[in-house]
Amino acid sequence: MKPIHLFTLGLSFIFLSSPLLAQDQPLTPTEKAQMLTTVKNIKGNVKKGRYGVHSSAISAFRAASSSPISAYEFYLKCYKEINFTRKGAKESEYRDWKSKNKDNLSSREHSTARRLQLQFLVLTLRAAQIPKDKSKEALVPELTTLMDNCLSAYPHLGRSKRILHSGATGSTFAEVYELQSTLSALKNWPRAPMDISGIYESTIFPIYRTPERVKELTAAWDKRISQEITLVAATDSTEAEIDFTNKTLPKLKWAKYLDLLRAGKKRVALTAMVSLVKSNPEHQDIDAWLEELEGYLSGEVEPSSFEDAAKEAESLAARKKQNGGTNSPANSNRNDAQKALEGLNLGGRRGNREIPKDVDVDRIRELFNRR
């Protein structure tokens, strides 16, 4: 019986191994084509389903953001769904939670912040529907207006300010519609409406960073600086205002002038840089600025290109996301902006380049020597 049993096992092994041996054979062109068609069909269905979810969410978010009361009621509905209904909790548990948190949740501060967060999510979902190879420029005016609205409300939001600094894609609203996986993959788009540095560096500036669009780039820089000033003023902190004026604001201006230099506006940029170093002799970056400025004027250094700046910005954004994203208060947000500027404001390439012909070098050096 034993030899027969072994023979049977041997036959079984041969037959079971046959499919495995077939799997090692290369795919035929027909098989590849069939599989590719299947994958494309699945991909199309996924996009259709995702577009439907996004459209549904946009409609719901728009309706809820029509007023602070609507935003409050929608927040309660979403929070209940996530934290009570889906967990099988009793209705009485939800009522107890709502009663304990009524003062905060029903406050105008909280409702206003949630309303603005919903408006930001609507823009984010619209950005997600734009093909990757298309520009999001059409959304920039609405995004800038939303930032202005957030800044107008900011001084009156109390503890709810943190909502505008927190990643909206991880909010209760996004969670109830299960948007995190798709929105977290959205590139060149901010995660919170008060991430001013991220909004400009990842979304707005890249659109205008070309010599042909220098006027729009200049206007965008002026708008950013204005909004940064408004944000720090809203903190109602003398210490924060002094720190911003003495440290961050000069960095922002240097970054603006460097962009103008990259765009070919040499006279304007170099003259402004000289004025900046004259006005900020005690700044922490003064030595690096002076060295770089001397290089630009002598022709020994040329500014990094827009492409290099973009790569550096992407790297900084990735590190920022890895270190915890935008879940930080205003002071931390300004610190992040300050750190980001360190990578973008400085650094040039040594090369044999003539002094720009349209620059009055003698006049600039005269100003430079008066520091």
Protein backbone atom coordinates (compact mmCIF):
# COMPACT_ATOMS: atom_id res chain seq x y z
CA MET A 1 0.00 0.00 0.00
CA LYS A 2 2.85 2.31 0.75
CA PRO A 3 4.31 2.41 -2.82
CA ILE A 4 0.84 3.06 -4.25
CA HIS A 5 0.32 5.88 -1.76
CA LEU A 6 3.63 7.46 -2.66
CA PHE A 7 2.87 7.13 -6.37
CA THR A 8 -0.45 8.86 -5.86
CA LEU A 9 1.22 11.69 -3.97
CA GLY A 10 3.73 12.04 -6.78
CA LEU A 11 1.03 12.37 -9.41
CA SER A 12 -0.78 14.94 -7.27
CA PHE A 13 2.38 16.99 -6.93
CA ILE A 14 2.93 16.96 -10.69
CA PHE A 15 -0.61 18.13 -11.45
CA LEU A 16 -0.54 20.78 -8.72
CA SER A 17 2.80 22.06 -9.98
CA SER A 18 1.61 22.44 -13.57
CA PRO A 19 -0.22 25.78 -12.96
CA LEU A 20 2.82 27.06 -11.10
CA LEU A 21 5.05 26.13 -14.03
CA ALA A 22 2.60 27.88 -16.37
CA GLN A 23 2.81 31.00 -14.24
CA ASP A 24 6.52 31.24 -14.98
CA GLN A 25 5.84 31.53 -18.72
CA PRO A 26 5.99 35.06 -20.20
CA LEU A 27 2.67 36.76 -20.84
CA THR A 28 1.60 36.73 -24.47
CA PRO A 29 0.80 40.01 -26.23
CA THR A 30 -2.89 39.06 -26.19
CA GLU A 31 -2.85 38.38 -22.44
CA LYS A 32 -1.09 41.69 -21.78
CA ALA A 33 -3.63 43.56 -23.89
CA GLN A 34 -6.54 41.91 -22.06
CA MET A 35 -5.04 42.71 -18.64
CA LEU A 36 -4.31 46.30 -19.68
CA THR A 37 -7.91 46.73 -20.80
CA THR A 38 -9.10 45.36 -17.46
CA VAL A 39 -6.87 47.75 -15.52
CA LYS A 40 -8.02 50.74 -17.59
CA ASN A 41 -11.66 49.82 -17.03
CA ILE A 42 -11.09 49.56 -13.28
CA LYS A 43 -9.24 52.87 -13.29
CA GLY A 44 -12.12 54.54 -15.13
CA ASN A 45 -14.68 53.15 -12.70
CA VAL A 46 -12.61 54.31 -9.73
CA LYS A 47 -12.42 57.84 -11.17
CA LYS A 48 -16.15 57.91 -11.85
CA GLY A 49 -16.94 56.74 -8.33
CA ARG A 50 -14.51 59.20 -6.79
CA TYR A 51 -15.88 62.07 -8.90
CA GLY A 52 -19.37 61.20 -7.71
CA VAL A 53 -18.30 61.24 -4.06
CA HIS A 54 -16.47 64.52 -4.55
CA SER A 55 -19.47 66.12 -6.27
CA SER A 56 -21.77 64.96 -3.47
CA ALA A 57 -19.40 66.32 -0.85
CA ILE A 58 -19.05 69.66 -2.65
CA SER A 59 -22.83 70.10 -2.69
CA ALA A 60 -23.14 69.22 0.99
CA PHE A 61 -20.21 71.43 2.02
CA ARG A 62 -21.49 74.41 0.03
CA ALA A 63 -24.92 74.17 1.59
CA ALA A 64 -23.47 73.82 5.10
CA SER A 65 -21.12 76.78 4.63
CA SER A 66 -23.93 79.15 3.74
CA SER A 67 -24.14 80.39 7.35
CA PRO A 68 -22.54 79.79 10.77
CA ILE A 69 -25.73 78.06 11.95
CA SER A 70 -25.71 75.68 8.98
CA ALA A 71 -22.04 74.92 9.59
CA TYR A 72 -22.75 74.21 13.28
CA GLU A 73 -25.63 71.84 12.52
CA PHE A 74 -23.66 70.05 9.80
CA TYR A 75 -20.67 69.63 12.10
CA LEU A 76 -22.88 67.99 14.75
CA LYS A 77 -24.34 65.67 12.13
CA CYS A 78 -20.91 64.61 10.85
CA TYR A 79 -19.42 64.24 14.31
CA LYS A 80 -22.34 62.10 15.42
CA GLU A 81 -22.01 59.87 12.38
CA ILE A 82 -18.27 59.29 12.89
CA ASN A 83 -18.04 59.03 16.65
CA PHE A 84 -21.41 57.58 17.68
CA THR A 85 -23.52 56.10 14.87
CA ARG A 86 -20.74 54.12 13.16
CA LYS A 87 -19.53 52.87 16.53
CA GLY A 88 -22.97 51.70 17.58
CA ALA A 89 -23.20 54.09 20.52
CA LYS A 90 -26.50 54.89 22.20
CA GLU A 91 -28.40 58.05 21.36
CA SER A 92 -28.19 59.06 25.02
CA GLU A 93 -24.39 59.05 24.81
CA TYR A 94 -24.49 61.49 21.92
CA ARG A 95 -26.93 63.75 23.78
CA ASP A 96 -24.64 63.77 26.84
CA TRP A 97 -21.63 64.71 24.71
CA LYS A 98 -23.59 67.45 22.93
CA SER A 99 -24.81 68.88 26.23
CA LYS A 100 -21.32 68.95 27.75
CA ASN A 101 -19.82 70.72 24.70
CA LYS A 102 -22.75 72.94 23.81
CA ASP A 103 -21.16 76.26 24.82
CA ASN A 104 -18.10 75.74 22.64
CA LEU A 105 -19.76 74.04 19.68
CA SER A 106 -22.62 76.53 19.40
CA SER A 107 -20.37 79.56 19.84
CA ARG A 108 -20.02 81.95 16.92
CA GLU A 109 -16.25 81.50 17.03
CA HIS A 110 -16.43 77.74 16.47
CA SER A 111 -19.23 77.94 13.88
CA THR A 112 -17.43 80.64 11.89
CA ALA A 113 -14.18 78.67 11.85
CA ARG A 114 -16.00 75.53 10.69
CA ARG A 115 -17.78 77.51 8.00
CA LEU A 116 -14.46 78.77 6.64
CA GLN A 117 -13.03 75.26 6.85
CA LEU A 118 -15.94 73.97 4.75
CA GLN A 119 -15.35 76.69 2.15
CA PHE A 120 -11.70 75.66 1.97
CA LEU A 121 -12.72 72.01 1.53
CA VAL A 122 -14.96 72.98 -1.40
CA LEU A 123 -11.96 74.62 -3.11
CA THR A 124 -9.78 71.62 -2.26
CA LEU A 125 -12.25 69.18 -3.81
CA ARG A 126 -12.49 71.34 -6.92
CA ALA A 127 -8.69 71.34 -7.12
CA ALA A 128 -8.71 67.53 -6.85
CA GLN A 129 -10.98 67.34 -9.91
CA ILE A 130 -8.48 69.26 -12.07
CA PRO A 131 -6.24 66.90 -14.10
CA LYS A 132 -2.66 66.67 -12.86
CA ASP A 133 -1.28 68.21 -16.04
CA LYS A 134 -3.57 71.25 -15.81
CA SER A 135 -2.98 74.46 -13.86
CA LYS A 136 -5.01 75.39 -10.81
CA GLU A 137 -4.66 79.09 -11.64
CA ALA A 138 -8.43 79.53 -12.04
CA LEU A 139 -8.85 78.81 -8.32
CA VAL A 140 -6.22 81.31 -7.14
CA PRO A 141 -8.54 84.36 -6.90
CA GLU A 142 -11.04 82.40 -4.80
CA LEU A 143 -8.28 80.97 -2.64
CA THR A 144 -6.82 84.43 -2.02
CA THR A 145 -10.26 85.81 -1.16
CA LEU A 146 -10.86 82.96 1.27
CA MET A 147 -7.56 83.73 2.98
CA ASP A 148 -8.63 87.37 3.33
CA ASN A 149 -11.93 86.25 4.84
CA CYS A 150 -10.10 84.01 7.30
CA LEU A 151 -7.82 86.88 8.29
CA SER A 152 -10.80 89.20 8.80
CA ALA A 153 -12.42 86.71 11.15
CA TYR A 154 -9.16 85.62 12.80
CA PRO A 155 -9.02 88.18 15.66
CA HIS A 156 -12.50 87.12 16.81
CA LEU A 157 -12.10 83.32 16.74
CA GLY A 158 -10.50 82.75 20.12
CA ARG A 159 -9.40 79.14 20.60
CA SER A 160 -11.11 78.17 17.34
CA LYS A 161 -8.21 79.77 15.43
CA ARG A 162 -6.50 76.38 15.55
CA ILE A 163 -9.17 75.00 13.18
CA LEU A 164 -7.87 77.23 10.38
CA HIS A 165 -4.34 75.96 10.93
CA SER A 166 -5.31 72.28 11.10
CA GLY A 167 -5.29 70.08 8.02
CA ALA A 168 -8.81 70.26 6.60
CA THR A 169 -8.36 66.94 4.82
CA GLY A 170 -8.24 65.26 8.22
CA SER A 171 -11.30 67.08 9.57
CA THR A 172 -14.57 65.51 10.65
CA PHE A 173 -16.15 66.73 7.41
CA ALA A 174 -13.56 64.97 5.25
CA GLU A 175 -13.67 61.85 7.41
CA VAL A 176 -17.43 61.33 7.11
CA TYR A 177 -17.08 61.35 3.30
CA GLU A 178 -13.87 59.28 3.46
CA LEU A 179 -11.88 61.88 1.52
CA GLN A 180 -8.53 61.51 3.28
CA SER A 181 -6.97 58.99 0.90
CA THR A 182 -7.68 60.98 -2.24
CA LEU A 183 -7.10 64.48 -0.89
CA SER A 184 -3.87 63.58 0.90
CA ALA A 185 -2.41 62.69 -2.51
CA LEU A 186 -3.32 66.10 -3.95
CA LYS A 187 -0.10 67.88 -4.91
CA ASN A 188 0.66 71.60 -5.09
CA TRP A 189 -2.26 72.40 -2.85
CA PRO A 190 -2.26 73.52 0.82
CA ARG A 191 -3.80 71.52 3.66
CA ALA A 192 -5.20 74.46 5.67
CA PRO A 193 -6.53 77.94 4.79
CA MET A 194 -4.11 79.71 7.15
CA ASP A 195 -1.00 77.97 5.88
CA ILE A 196 0.01 81.19 4.15
CA SER A 197 3.56 80.09 3.43
CA GLY A 198 2.44 76.77 1.98
CA ILE A 199 -0.32 78.33 -0.11
CA TYR A 200 2.02 80.75 -1.82
CA GLU A 201 5.06 78.50 -2.17
CA SER A 202 3.23 75.39 -3.38
CA THR A 203 0.20 76.79 -5.22
CA ILE A 204 0.46 80.46 -6.22
CA PHE A 205 4.11 81.36 -6.82
CA PRO A 206 4.89 78.38 -9.12
CA ILE A 207 2.26 79.67 -11.55
CA TYR A 208 3.91 83.07 -11.88
CA ARG A 209 7.59 82.22 -11.53
CA THR A 210 8.54 82.96 -15.14
CA PRO A 211 10.11 86.10 -16.65
CA GLU A 212 6.94 86.63 -18.70
CA ARG A 213 4.72 86.90 -15.61
CA VAL A 214 6.90 89.04 -13.39
CA LYS A 215 4.15 91.63 -12.81
CA GLU A 216 1.79 88.99 -11.48
CA LEU A 217 4.61 87.48 -9.42
CA THR A 218 5.35 90.88 -7.87
CA ALA A 219 1.66 91.38 -7.07
CA ALA A 220 1.49 87.92 -5.50
CA TRP A 221 4.51 88.68 -3.31
CA ASP A 222 2.98 91.98 -2.19
CA LYS A 223 -0.26 90.19 -1.36
CA ARG A 224 1.54 87.51 0.63
CA ILE A 225 3.53 90.03 2.65
CA SER A 226 0.35 92.00 3.34
CA GLN A 227 -1.44 88.86 4.56
CA GLU A 228 1.53 87.81 6.72
CA ILE A 229 1.48 91.26 8.36
CA THR A 230 -2.27 91.01 8.96
CA LEU A 231 -1.88 87.57 10.52
CA VAL A 232 0.81 88.61 12.98
CA ALA A 233 -1.14 91.76 13.87
CA ALA A 234 -4.17 89.59 14.66
CA THR A 235 -2.22 87.73 17.35
CA ASP A 236 -2.26 90.95 19.40
CA SER A 237 1.23 90.19 20.68
CA THR A 238 3.84 92.92 20.81
CA GLU A 239 6.60 90.33 21.07
CA ALA A 240 5.34 88.50 17.99
CA GLU A 241 5.09 91.73 16.02
CA ILE A 242 8.64 92.75 16.93
CA ASP A 243 9.98 89.30 16.04
CA PHE A 244 8.16 89.37 12.71
CA THR A 245 9.30 92.90 11.85
CA ASN A 246 12.95 92.29 12.72
CA LYS A 247 13.37 88.71 11.47
CA THR A 248 10.65 87.36 9.19
CA LEU A 249 9.71 90.45 7.20
CA PRO A 250 13.26 91.10 5.93
CA LYS A 251 13.46 87.42 4.90
CA LEU A 252 10.22 87.75 2.95
CA LYS A 253 11.49 90.88 1.21
CA TRP A 254 14.81 89.23 0.35
CA ALA A 255 12.94 86.27 -1.15
CA LYS A 256 10.80 88.64 -3.21
CA TYR A 257 13.81 90.53 -4.55
CA LEU A 258 15.57 87.27 -5.36
CA ASP A 259 12.57 86.18 -7.41
CA LEU A 260 12.68 89.49 -9.26
CA LEU A 261 16.38 88.94 -9.93
CA ARG A 262 15.63 85.47 -11.31
CA ALA A 263 12.97 87.01 -13.55
CA GLY A 264 15.51 89.43 -15.06
CA LYS A 265 14.54 92.59 -13.15
CA LYS A 266 18.15 93.24 -12.15
CA ARG A 267 18.07 96.97 -11.53
CA VAL A 268 14.97 96.84 -9.35
CA ALA A 269 16.08 93.71 -7.48
CA LEU A 270 19.70 94.68 -6.77
CA THR A 271 18.80 98.22 -5.71
CA ALA A 272 16.14 96.87 -3.35
CA MET A 273 18.57 94.30 -1.94
CA VAL A 274 21.09 97.01 -1.14
CA SER A 275 18.42 99.06 0.63
CA LEU A 276 17.39 95.98 2.58
CA VAL A 277 20.87 95.23 3.91
CA LYS A 278 21.37 98.89 4.77
CA SER A 279 18.18 98.84 6.84
CA ASN A 280 18.91 95.53 8.59
CA PRO A 281 22.59 95.46 9.58
CA GLU A 282 21.83 93.35 12.68
CA HIS A 283 19.77 90.68 10.94
CA GLN A 284 20.81 87.08 11.51
CA ASP A 285 21.29 86.54 7.74
CA ILE A 286 23.18 89.78 7.10
CA ASP A 287 26.57 88.13 6.47
CA ALA A 288 25.16 85.71 3.92
CA TRP A 289 23.15 88.46 2.23
CA LEU A 290 26.18 90.76 1.97
CA GLU A 291 28.37 88.02 0.53
CA GLU A 292 25.75 87.03 -2.01
CA LEU A 293 24.98 90.60 -2.97
CA GLU A 294 28.65 91.30 -3.59
CA GLY A 295 28.73 88.24 -5.82
CA TYR A 296 25.73 89.43 -7.83
CA LEU A 297 27.23 92.90 -8.31
CA SER A 298 30.66 91.62 -9.29
CA GLY A 299 29.21 89.03 -11.66
CA GLU A 300 30.86 86.15 -9.78
CA VAL A 301 27.52 84.76 -8.57
CA GLU A 302 24.24 84.31 -10.39
CA PRO A 303 20.96 83.54 -8.66
CA SER A 304 19.59 80.03 -8.60
CA SER A 305 16.96 79.40 -11.25
CA PHE A 306 13.21 79.21 -10.73
CA GLU A 307 13.52 75.48 -11.35
CA ASP A 308 16.07 75.07 -8.55
CA ALA A 309 13.89 77.14 -6.23
CA ALA A 310 10.90 74.94 -7.08
CA LYS A 311 12.82 71.78 -6.25
CA GLU A 312 13.93 73.24 -2.95
CA ALA A 313 10.37 74.29 -2.13
CA GLU A 314 9.11 70.77 -2.87
CA SER A 315 11.77 69.31 -0.61
CA LEU A 316 10.89 71.70 2.19
CA ALA A 317 7.17 70.98 1.79
CA ALA A 318 7.83 67.24 1.98
CA ARG A 319 9.88 67.66 5.16
CA LYS A 320 7.19 69.88 6.66
CA LYS A 321 4.51 67.30 5.91
CA GLN A 322 6.67 64.54 7.37
CA ASN A 323 7.16 66.56 10.56
CA GLY A 324 3.45 66.95 11.23
CA GLY A 325 1.87 69.05 8.51
CA THR A 326 -0.02 72.22 9.41
CA ASN A 327 -1.41 71.32 12.82
CA SER A 328 0.23 74.26 14.52
CA PRO A 329 -0.76 77.65 15.96
CA ALA A 330 0.06 80.96 14.37
CA ASN A 331 3.49 81.33 15.94
CA SER A 332 4.59 77.87 14.77
CA ASN A 333 3.18 78.65 11.34
CA ARG A 334 5.35 81.76 11.09
CA ASN A 335 8.36 79.76 12.25
CA ASP A 336 7.72 77.23 9.49
CA ALA A 337 7.54 80.07 6.97
CA GLN A 338 10.78 81.47 8.31
CA LYS A 339 12.51 78.08 7.99
CA ALA A 340 11.19 77.63 4.48
CA LEU A 341 12.57 81.00 3.46
CA GLU A 342 16.05 79.98 4.59
CA GLY A 343 16.19 77.48 1.77
CA LEU A 344 14.80 79.80 -0.88
CA ASN A 345 16.36 83.16 -0.08
CA LEU A 346 20.02 82.30 -0.32
CA GLY A 347 22.42 80.47 -2.56
CA GLY A 348 23.78 81.27 -5.97
CA ARG A 349 26.10 79.70 -8.50
CA ARG A 350 29.61 80.88 -9.15
CA GLY A 351 30.24 81.59 -12.78
CA ASN A 352 31.88 83.88 -15.29
CA ARG A 353 29.11 86.37 -15.85
CA GLU A 354 29.45 90.03 -16.75
CA ILE A 355 28.00 92.73 -14.56
CA PRO A 356 24.43 93.42 -15.75
CA LYS A 357 24.46 96.26 -18.26
CA ASP A 358 21.24 97.83 -17.00
CA VAL A 359 22.51 98.26 -13.44
CA ASP A 360 24.10 101.45 -12.16
CA VAL A 361 26.83 99.65 -10.24
CA ASP A 362 28.54 102.80 -9.01
CA ARG A 363 25.29 104.11 -7.53
CA ILE A 364 24.52 100.80 -5.82
CA ARG A 365 28.03 100.45 -4.41
CA GLU A 366 27.79 104.02 -3.16
CA LEU A 367 24.62 103.10 -1.24
CA PHE A 368 26.23 99.87 -0.14
CA ASN A 369 29.24 101.63 1.35
CA ARG A 370 27.03 103.96 3.39
CA ARG A 371 25.70 101.09 5.51
